[in-house]
Amino acid sequence: MVVAIGEVLFDVFPEDKRIGGAPFNFAVHLANMGFPVHFVTRVGKDANGRAILDLMHRFGLSRENVQIDPEYATGRVMVHPEADGGHRFDIVAPAAYDYLACTDQVMDLMRTPPDMVYFGTLAQRSEQSRQAMEEMFQAAPPETRFFCDINLRPGGYDRAIVDGALQQADLLKLNDAELAVIGEMFDIQGDTETMIRRLMEARGLVLVALTLGSRGGRLFTPDDHVRIDLPSRSAGPPVVDTVGAGDAFAAVTAAGFLQNRHLSTILEAATEFAGRICGIQGAVPDSPDFYRQGRLPEFFYKDTGESR
């Protein structure tokens, strides 16, 4: 069983809006890959909150751990497309997810215990949510693995938040820009592999997933390292937008780890799935049929007998 904790919100594009938030995207992907998933979040008592509850039902996610805030609005992110195909994000604050509560129901869930707990940094920008999440983490038994998708957004983190997240994590996903920020923040120097190795040793990480955008990705364990270098973007499938690509990569990485897949198999499937997410608008597909295409069916439903 997997527990994802953090924000759900609407990504507001110039023409429309799409549901998003890294923990929500991760939870949707894992649920549609066949994993039992519980999503702990908080939305406003407003139209966007009701829409999210409806969408969660459609995506097959349990709503029992969605808290309703009577005062603060459901989260929103204003998404501004840029010329290179990327996006600039303006994250509206405060939002309902800044006021997560550590309820008895959530504590019971954390003691179940989960096989994995997913979290990031954005929902920890407020002291209330950060303290609530720390209480949730402490309730989990030692065998639970913690997956941190660091997701450093301007105004959404400080050194203490990042330090705490790295200390909690067993698995870490980040991009090359975030690696540079962490390197400067904690005086970790060297080339990419050296920095990753030093970070893993300092924090006791068992796996690091490094995404490189259109250039591919890399996976590291204490004893192994695999990489995929992609051709130029023009040689690949058409890119509609890149929102949620990292969340897709994280979801397949987590799934592969839980299923004890070989690193190279995980990386190939994660890269392929993230690329297909770039071919749709928004971070999650409109239909569960999307998960039965590409490499995912072979990855999840074919018994390969692989081990990590």
C-alpha atoms as a PDB file:
ATOM      1  CA  MET A   1       0.000   0.000   0.000  1.00  0.00           C
ATOM      2  CA  VAL A   2       1.214   3.502  -0.916  1.00  0.00           C
ATOM      3  CA  VAL A   3       0.332   6.761   0.851  1.00  0.00           C
ATOM      4  CA  ALA A   4       0.823  10.065  -0.991  1.00  0.00           C
ATOM      5  CA  ILE A   5       0.719  13.217   1.135  1.00  0.00           C
ATOM      6  CA  GLY A   6       0.515  16.802  -0.071  1.00  0.00           C
ATOM      7  CA  GLU A   7      -1.093  19.215  -2.438  1.00  0.00           C
ATOM      8  CA  VAL A   8      -3.836  18.852  -5.009  1.00  0.00           C
ATOM      9  CA  LEU A   9      -4.668  21.934  -7.030  1.00  0.00           C
ATOM     10  CA  PHE A  10      -5.688  23.286 -10.383  1.00  0.00           C
ATOM     11  CA  ASP A  11      -3.069  24.207 -12.963  1.00  0.00           C
ATOM     12  CA  VAL A  12      -4.628  27.255 -14.627  1.00  0.00           C
ATOM     13  CA  PHE A  13      -3.494  27.624 -18.249  1.00  0.00           C
ATOM     14  CA  PRO A  14      -4.262  30.630 -20.475  1.00  0.00           C
ATOM     15  CA  GLU A  15      -7.134  28.732 -22.140  1.00  0.00           C
ATOM     16  CA  ASP A  16      -8.367  26.308 -19.460  1.00  0.00           C
ATOM     17  CA  LYS A  17      -7.520  24.620 -16.165  1.00  0.00           C
ATOM     18  CA  ARG A  18      -6.398  21.091 -15.354  1.00  0.00           C
ATOM     19  CA  ILE A  19      -6.204  19.238 -12.072  1.00  0.00           C
ATOM     20  CA  GLY A  20      -2.660  18.773 -10.810  1.00  0.00           C
ATOM     21  CA  GLY A  21      -0.217  18.877  -7.932  1.00  0.00           C
ATOM     22  CA  ALA A  22       2.700  16.451  -7.826  1.00  0.00           C
ATOM     23  CA  PRO A  23       1.329  14.199  -5.030  1.00  0.00           C
ATOM     24  CA  PHE A  24      -2.048  13.961  -6.774  1.00  0.00           C
ATOM     25  CA  ASN A  25      -0.451  13.159 -10.138  1.00  0.00           C
ATOM     26  CA  PHE A  26       1.742  10.516  -8.514  1.00  0.00           C
ATOM     27  CA  ALA A  27      -1.252   8.972  -6.724  1.00  0.00           C
ATOM     28  CA  VAL A  28      -3.354   8.820  -9.905  1.00  0.00           C
ATOM     29  CA  HIS A  29      -0.556   7.127 -11.832  1.00  0.00           C
ATOM     30  CA  LEU A  30       0.129   4.530  -9.116  1.00  0.00           C
ATOM     31  CA  ALA A  31      -3.581   3.768  -8.676  1.00  0.00           C
ATOM     32  CA  ASN A  32      -4.008   3.236 -12.416  1.00  0.00           C
ATOM     33  CA  MET A  33      -0.939   0.987 -12.451  1.00  0.00           C
ATOM     34  CA  GLY A  34      -2.730  -1.316 -10.019  1.00  0.00           C
ATOM     35  CA  PHE A  35      -1.315  -0.231  -6.651  1.00  0.00           C
ATOM     36  CA  PRO A  36      -3.547   0.420  -3.621  1.00  0.00           C
ATOM     37  CA  VAL A  37      -3.107   4.151  -2.975  1.00  0.00           C
ATOM     38  CA  HIS A  38      -4.338   6.500  -0.250  1.00  0.00           C
ATOM     39  CA  PHE A  39      -4.066  10.239  -0.860  1.00  0.00           C
ATOM     40  CA  VAL A  40      -3.902  12.633   2.104  1.00  0.00           C
ATOM     41  CA  THR A  41      -4.654  16.234   1.140  1.00  0.00           C
ATOM     42  CA  ARG A  42      -6.844  19.264   1.895  1.00  0.00           C
ATOM     43  CA  VAL A  43      -9.135  21.242  -0.425  1.00  0.00           C
ATOM     44  CA  GLY A  44     -11.382  24.249   0.023  1.00  0.00           C
ATOM     45  CA  LYS A  45     -15.125  24.254   0.543  1.00  0.00           C
ATOM     46  CA  ASP A  46     -15.554  25.662  -2.958  1.00  0.00           C
ATOM     47  CA  ALA A  47     -16.313  24.748  -6.564  1.00  0.00           C
ATOM     48  CA  ASN A  48     -12.716  23.726  -7.275  1.00  0.00           C
ATOM     49  CA  GLY A  49     -12.714  21.476  -4.216  1.00  0.00           C
ATOM     50  CA  ARG A  50     -15.935  19.792  -5.318  1.00  0.00           C
ATOM     51  CA  ALA A  51     -14.518  19.357  -8.815  1.00  0.00           C
ATOM     52  CA  ILE A  52     -11.408  17.688  -7.372  1.00  0.00           C
ATOM     53  CA  LEU A  53     -13.518  15.256  -5.339  1.00  0.00           C
ATOM     54  CA  ASP A  54     -15.476  14.359  -8.478  1.00  0.00           C
ATOM     55  CA  LEU A  55     -12.282  13.908 -10.486  1.00  0.00           C
ATOM     56  CA  MET A  56     -10.738  11.727  -7.795  1.00  0.00           C
ATOM     57  CA  HIS A  57     -13.750   9.432  -7.998  1.00  0.00           C
ATOM     58  CA  ARG A  58     -13.359   9.271 -11.784  1.00  0.00           C
ATOM     59  CA  PHE A  59      -9.643   8.528 -11.469  1.00  0.00           C
ATOM     60  CA  GLY A  60     -10.313   5.718  -8.988  1.00  0.00           C
ATOM     61  CA  LEU A  61      -8.776   7.433  -5.958  1.00  0.00           C
ATOM     62  CA  SER A  62     -10.281   7.079  -2.494  1.00  0.00           C
ATOM     63  CA  ARG A  63     -11.545  10.386  -1.069  1.00  0.00           C
ATOM     64  CA  GLU A  64     -11.664   9.288   2.568  1.00  0.00           C
ATOM     65  CA  ASN A  65      -8.483  11.188   3.506  1.00  0.00           C
ATOM     66  CA  VAL A  66      -9.362  14.436   1.727  1.00  0.00           C
ATOM     67  CA  GLN A  67      -9.860  17.154   4.331  1.00  0.00           C
ATOM     68  CA  ILE A  68     -12.246  20.062   3.633  1.00  0.00           C
ATOM     69  CA  ASP A  69     -11.091  23.493   4.778  1.00  0.00           C
ATOM     70  CA  PRO A  70     -13.946  25.893   5.618  1.00  0.00           C
ATOM     71  CA  GLU A  71     -11.840  29.033   5.195  1.00  0.00           C
ATOM     72  CA  TYR A  72      -9.032  28.635   2.659  1.00  0.00           C
ATOM     73  CA  ALA A  73      -9.528  28.041  -1.050  1.00  0.00           C
ATOM     74  CA  THR A  74      -8.455  25.013  -3.051  1.00  0.00           C
ATOM     75  CA  GLY A  75      -4.933  25.399  -4.393  1.00  0.00           C
ATOM     76  CA  ARG A  76      -4.206  27.004  -7.750  1.00  0.00           C
ATOM     77  CA  VAL A  77      -1.097  27.415  -9.889  1.00  0.00           C
ATOM     78  CA  MET A  78      -1.037  29.917 -12.733  1.00  0.00           C
ATOM     79  CA  VAL A  79       0.858  28.241 -15.604  1.00  0.00           C
ATOM     80  CA  HIS A  80       2.619  30.450 -18.150  1.00  0.00           C
ATOM     81  CA  PRO A  81       3.957  28.636 -21.252  1.00  0.00           C
ATOM     82  CA  GLU A  82       7.425  29.680 -22.411  1.00  0.00           C
ATOM     83  CA  ALA A  83       9.020  29.676 -25.848  1.00  0.00           C
ATOM     84  CA  ASP A  84      11.233  26.623 -25.215  1.00  0.00           C
ATOM     85  CA  GLY A  85       8.238  24.402 -24.394  1.00  0.00           C
ATOM     86  CA  GLY A  86       8.698  24.750 -20.646  1.00  0.00           C
ATOM     87  CA  HIS A  87       6.508  26.601 -18.183  1.00  0.00           C
ATOM     88  CA  ARG A  88       6.715  29.237 -15.487  1.00  0.00           C
ATOM     89  CA  PHE A  89       4.552  28.621 -12.415  1.00  0.00           C
ATOM     90  CA  ASP A  90       2.989  31.203 -10.092  1.00  0.00           C
ATOM     91  CA  ILE A  91       1.757  29.306  -7.027  1.00  0.00           C
ATOM     92  CA  VAL A  92      -1.153  31.009  -5.247  1.00  0.00           C
ATOM     93  CA  ALA A  93      -0.803  31.287  -1.456  1.00  0.00           C
ATOM     94  CA  PRO A  94      -2.274  30.613   1.005  1.00  0.00           C
ATOM     95  CA  ALA A  95      -4.246  27.541  -0.026  1.00  0.00           C
ATOM     96  CA  ALA A  96      -6.190  24.808   1.729  1.00  0.00           C
ATOM     97  CA  TYR A  97      -3.274  22.368   1.507  1.00  0.00           C
ATOM     98  CA  ASP A  98      -1.242  24.740   3.702  1.00  0.00           C
ATOM     99  CA  TYR A  99      -3.495  23.656   6.593  1.00  0.00           C
ATOM    100  CA  LEU A 100      -3.198  19.865   6.613  1.00  0.00           C
ATOM    101  CA  ALA A 101      -4.289  18.251   9.872  1.00  0.00           C
ATOM    102  CA  CYS A 102      -2.864  15.078  11.379  1.00  0.00           C
ATOM    103  CA  THR A 103      -6.161  13.365  12.193  1.00  0.00           C
ATOM    104  CA  ASP A 104      -6.704  10.075  14.021  1.00  0.00           C
ATOM    105  CA  GLN A 105      -7.794   8.564  10.713  1.00  0.00           C
ATOM    106  CA  VAL A 106      -4.530   9.546   9.034  1.00  0.00           C
ATOM    107  CA  MET A 107      -2.496   8.265  11.981  1.00  0.00           C
ATOM    108  CA  ASP A 108      -4.278   4.906  11.761  1.00  0.00           C
ATOM    109  CA  LEU A 109      -3.478   4.815   8.044  1.00  0.00           C
ATOM    110  CA  MET A 110       0.211   5.484   8.672  1.00  0.00           C
ATOM    111  CA  ARG A 111       0.379   2.653  11.209  1.00  0.00           C
ATOM    112  CA  THR A 112      -1.203   0.130   8.794  1.00  0.00           C
ATOM    113  CA  PRO A 113       1.698   0.207   7.625  1.00  0.00           C
ATOM    114  CA  PRO A 114       2.340   1.593   4.131  1.00  0.00           C
ATOM    115  CA  ASP A 115       5.012   0.040   1.924  1.00  0.00           C
ATOM    116  CA  MET A 116       5.866   3.539   0.729  1.00  0.00           C
ATOM    117  CA  VAL A 117       5.037   7.138   1.633  1.00  0.00           C
ATOM    118  CA  TYR A 118       5.398   9.813  -1.048  1.00  0.00           C
ATOM    119  CA  PHE A 119       5.901  13.481  -0.172  1.00  0.00           C
ATOM    120  CA  GLY A 120       7.435  16.702  -1.478  1.00  0.00           C
ATOM    121  CA  THR A 121       8.300  20.175  -0.248  1.00  0.00           C
ATOM    122  CA  LEU A 122       5.522  22.478  -1.495  1.00  0.00           C
ATOM    123  CA  ALA A 123       2.920  21.341   1.051  1.00  0.00           C
ATOM    124  CA  GLN A 124       5.511  21.974   3.773  1.00  0.00           C
ATOM    125  CA  ARG A 125       5.820  25.695   3.029  1.00  0.00           C
ATOM    126  CA  SER A 126       3.433  26.415   5.930  1.00  0.00           C
ATOM    127  CA  GLU A 127       4.372  25.560   9.500  1.00  0.00           C
ATOM    128  CA  GLN A 128       1.029  23.871  10.147  1.00  0.00           C
ATOM    129  CA  SER A 129       1.264  21.434   7.242  1.00  0.00           C
ATOM    130  CA  ARG A 130       4.935  20.776   7.905  1.00  0.00           C
ATOM    131  CA  GLN A 131       4.271  19.838  11.531  1.00  0.00           C
ATOM    132  CA  ALA A 132       1.281  17.695  10.546  1.00  0.00           C
ATOM    133  CA  MET A 133       3.373  15.827   7.979  1.00  0.00           C
ATOM    134  CA  GLU A 134       6.172  15.262  10.492  1.00  0.00           C
ATOM    135  CA  GLU A 135       3.658  13.679  12.875  1.00  0.00           C
ATOM    136  CA  MET A 136       2.403  11.440  10.063  1.00  0.00           C
ATOM    137  CA  PHE A 137       5.946  10.388   9.176  1.00  0.00           C
ATOM    138  CA  GLN A 138       6.763   9.531  12.775  1.00  0.00           C
ATOM    139  CA  ALA A 139       3.742   7.218  12.976  1.00  0.00           C
ATOM    140  CA  ALA A 140       5.032   4.983  10.164  1.00  0.00           C
ATOM    141  CA  PRO A 141       7.057   1.901  11.175  1.00  0.00           C
ATOM    142  CA  PRO A 142      10.768   1.572  10.301  1.00  0.00           C
ATOM    143  CA  GLU A 143      10.145  -0.714   7.321  1.00  0.00           C
ATOM    144  CA  THR A 144       8.138   1.933   5.425  1.00  0.00           C
ATOM    145  CA  ARG A 145      10.123   3.520   2.586  1.00  0.00           C
ATOM    146  CA  PHE A 146       9.845   7.281   2.058  1.00  0.00           C
ATOM    147  CA  PHE A 147       9.945   8.643  -1.498  1.00  0.00           C
ATOM    148  CA  CYS A 148      10.679  12.372  -1.730  1.00  0.00           C
ATOM    149  CA  ASP A 149      10.046  14.194  -5.003  1.00  0.00           C
ATOM    150  CA  ILE A 150      11.836  17.359  -3.960  1.00  0.00           C
ATOM    151  CA  ASN A 151       9.985  19.714  -6.385  1.00  0.00           C
ATOM    152  CA  LEU A 152      11.696  22.983  -5.460  1.00  0.00           C
ATOM    153  CA  ARG A 153       9.355  25.818  -6.446  1.00  0.00           C
ATOM    154  CA  PRO A 154      10.188  29.508  -5.888  1.00  0.00           C
ATOM    155  CA  GLY A 155       8.732  30.608  -2.567  1.00  0.00           C
ATOM    156  CA  GLY A 156       7.862  27.031  -1.624  1.00  0.00           C
ATOM    157  CA  TYR A 157      10.946  25.963   0.307  1.00  0.00           C
ATOM    158  CA  ASP A 158      13.827  27.013   2.511  1.00  0.00           C
ATOM    159  CA  ARG A 159      16.959  25.282   3.770  1.00  0.00           C
ATOM    160  CA  ALA A 160      15.197  23.761   6.784  1.00  0.00           C
ATOM    161  CA  ILE A 161      12.439  22.249   4.627  1.00  0.00           C
ATOM    162  CA  VAL A 162      14.932  20.760   2.168  1.00  0.00           C
ATOM    163  CA  ASP A 163      17.164  19.474   4.961  1.00  0.00           C
ATOM    164  CA  GLY A 164      14.237  17.776   6.682  1.00  0.00           C
ATOM    165  CA  ALA A 165      12.993  16.252   3.427  1.00  0.00           C
ATOM    166  CA  LEU A 166      16.403  14.808   2.577  1.00  0.00           C
ATOM    167  CA  GLN A 167      16.770  13.440   6.090  1.00  0.00           C
ATOM    168  CA  GLN A 168      13.374  11.712   5.868  1.00  0.00           C
ATOM    169  CA  ALA A 169      13.819  10.265   2.379  1.00  0.00           C
ATOM    170  CA  ASP A 170      14.942   6.781   1.417  1.00  0.00           C
ATOM    171  CA  LEU A 171      14.329   7.452  -2.278  1.00  0.00           C
ATOM    172  CA  LEU A 172      14.797  10.850  -3.894  1.00  0.00           C
ATOM    173  CA  LYS A 173      13.719  12.228  -7.246  1.00  0.00           C
ATOM    174  CA  LEU A 174      15.079  15.544  -8.489  1.00  0.00           C
ATOM    175  CA  ASN A 175      16.131  17.297 -11.686  1.00  0.00           C
ATOM    176  CA  ASP A 176      19.501  18.728 -12.627  1.00  0.00           C
ATOM    177  CA  ALA A 177      18.532  22.277 -11.603  1.00  0.00           C
ATOM    178  CA  GLU A 178      17.397  21.029  -8.186  1.00  0.00           C
ATOM    179  CA  LEU A 179      20.641  19.099  -7.781  1.00  0.00           C
ATOM    180  CA  ALA A 180      22.534  22.348  -8.343  1.00  0.00           C
ATOM    181  CA  VAL A 181      20.421  24.126  -5.702  1.00  0.00           C
ATOM    182  CA  ILE A 182      20.977  21.333  -3.179  1.00  0.00           C
ATOM    183  CA  GLY A 183      24.684  21.245  -3.986  1.00  0.00           C
ATOM    184  CA  GLU A 184      25.023  24.949  -3.270  1.00  0.00           C
ATOM    185  CA  MET A 185      22.776  24.759  -0.206  1.00  0.00           C
ATOM    186  CA  PHE A 186      24.752  21.951   1.464  1.00  0.00           C
ATOM    187  CA  ASP A 187      28.195  22.493  -0.114  1.00  0.00           C
ATOM    188  CA  ILE A 188      28.152  19.316  -2.209  1.00  0.00           C
ATOM    189  CA  GLN A 189      30.623  19.711  -5.069  1.00  0.00           C
ATOM    190  CA  GLY A 190      31.820  17.727  -8.082  1.00  0.00           C
ATOM    191  CA  ASP A 191      30.404  16.437 -11.337  1.00  0.00           C
ATOM    192  CA  THR A 192      26.863  15.049 -11.451  1.00  0.00           C
ATOM    193  CA  GLU A 193      27.698  11.508 -10.390  1.00  0.00           C
ATOM    194  CA  THR A 194      30.050  12.662  -7.635  1.00  0.00           C
ATOM    195  CA  MET A 195      27.399  15.002  -6.236  1.00  0.00           C
ATOM    196  CA  ILE A 196      24.769  12.263  -6.297  1.00  0.00           C
ATOM    197  CA  ARG A 197      27.099   9.788  -4.598  1.00  0.00           C
ATOM    198  CA  ARG A 198      28.014  12.276  -1.886  1.00  0.00           C
ATOM    199  CA  LEU A 199      24.351  13.123  -1.339  1.00  0.00           C
ATOM    200  CA  MET A 200      23.401   9.444  -1.117  1.00  0.00           C
ATOM    201  CA  GLU A 201      26.140   8.715   1.389  1.00  0.00           C
ATOM    202  CA  ALA A 202      25.382  11.762   3.534  1.00  0.00           C
ATOM    203  CA  ARG A 203      21.633  11.055   3.670  1.00  0.00           C
ATOM    204  CA  GLY A 204      21.520   7.270   3.554  1.00  0.00           C
ATOM    205  CA  LEU A 205      19.525   7.190   0.307  1.00  0.00           C
ATOM    206  CA  VAL A 206      18.860   3.826  -1.349  1.00  0.00           C
ATOM    207  CA  LEU A 207      17.838   5.252  -4.742  1.00  0.00           C
ATOM    208  CA  VAL A 208      18.126   8.590  -6.529  1.00  0.00           C
ATOM    209  CA  ALA A 209      16.236   9.376  -9.740  1.00  0.00           C
ATOM    210  CA  LEU A 210      17.694  12.295 -11.692  1.00  0.00           C
ATOM    211  CA  THR A 211      15.605  13.709 -14.540  1.00  0.00           C
ATOM    212  CA  LEU A 212      17.247  15.683 -17.324  1.00  0.00           C
ATOM    213  CA  GLY A 213      14.203  16.911 -19.260  1.00  0.00           C
ATOM    214  CA  SER A 214      14.453  16.244 -22.985  1.00  0.00           C
ATOM    215  CA  ARG A 215      17.968  14.823 -22.446  1.00  0.00           C
ATOM    216  CA  GLY A 216      16.823  11.717 -20.555  1.00  0.00           C
ATOM    217  CA  GLY A 217      17.392  10.534 -17.007  1.00  0.00           C
ATOM    218  CA  ARG A 218      19.587   8.557 -14.623  1.00  0.00           C
ATOM    219  CA  LEU A 219      18.992   6.189 -11.716  1.00  0.00           C
ATOM    220  CA  PHE A 220      21.476   5.599  -8.917  1.00  0.00           C
ATOM    221  CA  THR A 221      21.669   3.043  -6.117  1.00  0.00           C
ATOM    222  CA  PRO A 222      24.628   2.640  -3.757  1.00  0.00           C
ATOM    223  CA  ASP A 223      26.036  -0.087  -6.025  1.00  0.00           C
ATOM    224  CA  ASP A 224      24.736   0.734  -9.500  1.00  0.00           C
ATOM    225  CA  HIS A 225      23.981   3.501 -11.984  1.00  0.00           C
ATOM    226  CA  VAL A 226      22.061   3.518 -15.269  1.00  0.00           C
ATOM    227  CA  ARG A 227      21.335   6.317 -17.710  1.00  0.00           C
ATOM    228  CA  ILE A 228      19.315   7.057 -20.840  1.00  0.00           C
ATOM    229  CA  ASP A 229      20.427   9.772 -23.236  1.00  0.00           C
ATOM    230  CA  LEU A 230      17.568  10.840 -25.492  1.00  0.00           C
ATOM    231  CA  PRO A 231      17.893  12.156 -29.049  1.00  0.00           C
ATOM    232  CA  SER A 232      16.973  15.735 -29.807  1.00  0.00           C
ATOM    233  CA  ARG A 233      13.372  16.715 -29.104  1.00  0.00           C
ATOM    234  CA  SER A 234      12.697  17.064 -32.836  1.00  0.00           C
ATOM    235  CA  ALA A 235      13.442  13.359 -33.277  1.00  0.00           C
ATOM    236  CA  GLY A 236      10.929  12.274 -30.627  1.00  0.00           C
ATOM    237  CA  PRO A 237       7.123  12.359 -30.402  1.00  0.00           C
ATOM    238  CA  PRO A 238       5.395  15.756 -30.541  1.00  0.00           C
ATOM    239  CA  VAL A 239       5.468  17.633 -27.232  1.00  0.00           C
ATOM    240  CA  VAL A 240       2.168  19.233 -26.200  1.00  0.00           C
ATOM    241  CA  ASP A 241       3.429  20.383 -22.805  1.00  0.00           C
ATOM    242  CA  THR A 242       5.837  19.143 -20.151  1.00  0.00           C
ATOM    243  CA  VAL A 243       3.599  19.636 -17.098  1.00  0.00           C
ATOM    244  CA  GLY A 244       3.665  16.478 -14.995  1.00  0.00           C
ATOM    245  CA  ALA A 245       6.485  14.704 -16.833  1.00  0.00           C
ATOM    246  CA  GLY A 246       8.574  14.502 -13.675  1.00  0.00           C
ATOM    247  CA  ASP A 247       5.620  13.148 -11.690  1.00  0.00           C
ATOM    248  CA  ALA A 248       5.130  10.420 -14.289  1.00  0.00           C
ATOM    249  CA  PHE A 249       8.822   9.526 -14.087  1.00  0.00           C
ATOM    250  CA  ALA A 250       8.600   9.416 -10.288  1.00  0.00           C
ATOM    251  CA  ALA A 251       5.541   7.154 -10.323  1.00  0.00           C
ATOM    252  CA  VAL A 252       7.112   4.521 -12.554  1.00  0.00           C
ATOM    253  CA  THR A 253      10.345   4.685 -10.563  1.00  0.00           C
ATOM    254  CA  ALA A 254       8.441   4.067  -7.328  1.00  0.00           C
ATOM    255  CA  ALA A 255       6.415   1.266  -8.900  1.00  0.00           C
ATOM    256  CA  GLY A 256       9.536  -0.414 -10.230  1.00  0.00           C
ATOM    257  CA  PHE A 257      11.243  -0.172  -6.860  1.00  0.00           C
ATOM    258  CA  LEU A 258       8.241  -1.706  -5.099  1.00  0.00           C
ATOM    259  CA  GLN A 259       8.191  -4.540  -7.639  1.00  0.00           C
ATOM    260  CA  ASN A 260      11.939  -5.122  -7.348  1.00  0.00           C
ATOM    261  CA  ARG A 261      12.584  -4.422 -11.035  1.00  0.00           C
ATOM    262  CA  HIS A 262      16.033  -4.024 -12.507  1.00  0.00           C
ATOM    263  CA  LEU A 263      17.277  -0.419 -12.688  1.00  0.00           C
ATOM    264  CA  SER A 264      17.572  -0.417 -16.480  1.00  0.00           C
ATOM    265  CA  THR A 265      13.995  -1.708 -16.850  1.00  0.00           C
ATOM    266  CA  ILE A 266      12.694   0.963 -14.480  1.00  0.00           C
ATOM    267  CA  LEU A 267      14.538   3.749 -16.280  1.00  0.00           C
ATOM    268  CA  GLU A 268      13.364   2.688 -19.733  1.00  0.00           C
ATOM    269  CA  ALA A 269       9.726   2.468 -18.616  1.00  0.00           C
ATOM    270  CA  ALA A 270       9.882   5.733 -16.634  1.00  0.00           C
ATOM    271  CA  THR A 271      11.414   7.630 -19.544  1.00  0.00           C
ATOM    272  CA  GLU A 272       8.899   6.256 -22.029  1.00  0.00           C
ATOM    273  CA  PHE A 273       5.911   7.023 -19.798  1.00  0.00           C
ATOM    274  CA  ALA A 274       7.109  10.560 -19.037  1.00  0.00           C
ATOM    275  CA  GLY A 275       7.534  11.143 -22.770  1.00  0.00           C
ATOM    276  CA  ARG A 276       3.957  10.051 -23.436  1.00  0.00           C
ATOM    277  CA  ILE A 277       2.682  12.384 -20.701  1.00  0.00           C
ATOM    278  CA  CYS A 278       4.418  15.207 -22.595  1.00  0.00           C
ATOM    279  CA  GLY A 279       2.198  14.306 -25.547  1.00  0.00           C
ATOM    280  CA  ILE A 280      -1.018  15.286 -23.734  1.00  0.00           C
ATOM    281  CA  GLN A 281      -2.197  18.528 -22.182  1.00  0.00           C
ATOM    282  CA  GLY A 282      -1.929  18.535 -18.421  1.00  0.00           C
ATOM    283  CA  ALA A 283      -0.306  16.115 -16.019  1.00  0.00           C
ATOM    284  CA  VAL A 284      -2.732  13.169 -16.031  1.00  0.00           C
ATOM    285  CA  PRO A 285      -4.570  11.478 -18.922  1.00  0.00           C
ATOM    286  CA  ASP A 286      -8.309  11.730 -19.447  1.00  0.00           C
ATOM    287  CA  SER A 287      -8.805   7.970 -19.680  1.00  0.00           C
ATOM    288  CA  PRO A 288      -7.439   4.899 -17.856  1.00  0.00           C
ATOM    289  CA  ASP A 289      -6.830   3.433 -21.326  1.00  0.00           C
ATOM    290  CA  PHE A 290      -3.679   5.568 -21.451  1.00  0.00           C
ATOM    291  CA  TYR A 291      -2.077   3.216 -18.918  1.00  0.00           C
ATOM    292  CA  ARG A 292      -2.671   0.190 -21.136  1.00  0.00           C
ATOM    293  CA  GLN A 293      -0.538   1.646 -23.924  1.00  0.00           C
ATOM    294  CA  GLY A 294       3.203   1.956 -24.425  1.00  0.00           C
ATOM    295  CA  ARG A 295       5.556  -0.086 -22.228  1.00  0.00           C
ATOM    296  CA  LEU A 296       3.507  -0.035 -19.039  1.00  0.00           C
ATOM    297  CA  PRO A 297       1.466  -3.217 -19.656  1.00  0.00           C
ATOM    298  CA  GLU A 298       4.648  -5.224 -20.239  1.00  0.00           C
ATOM    299  CA  PHE A 299       6.384  -3.519 -17.327  1.00  0.00           C
ATOM    300  CA  PHE A 300       3.667  -4.225 -14.772  1.00  0.00           C
ATOM    301  CA  TYR A 301       1.856  -7.299 -15.919  1.00  0.00           C
ATOM    302  CA  LYS A 302       4.568  -9.481 -17.441  1.00  0.00           C
ATOM    303  CA  ASP A 303       6.451 -11.634 -14.932  1.00  0.00           C
ATOM    304  CA  THR A 304      10.070 -11.053 -15.909  1.00  0.00           C
ATOM    305  CA  GLY A 305      11.640 -12.626 -12.848  1.00  0.00           C
ATOM    306  CA  GLU A 306      13.943  -9.649 -12.531  1.00  0.00           C
ATOM    307  CA  SER A 307      15.465  -8.487  -9.290  1.00  0.00           C
ATOM    308  CA  ARG A 308      16.965  -5.192  -8.361  1.00  0.00           C
END
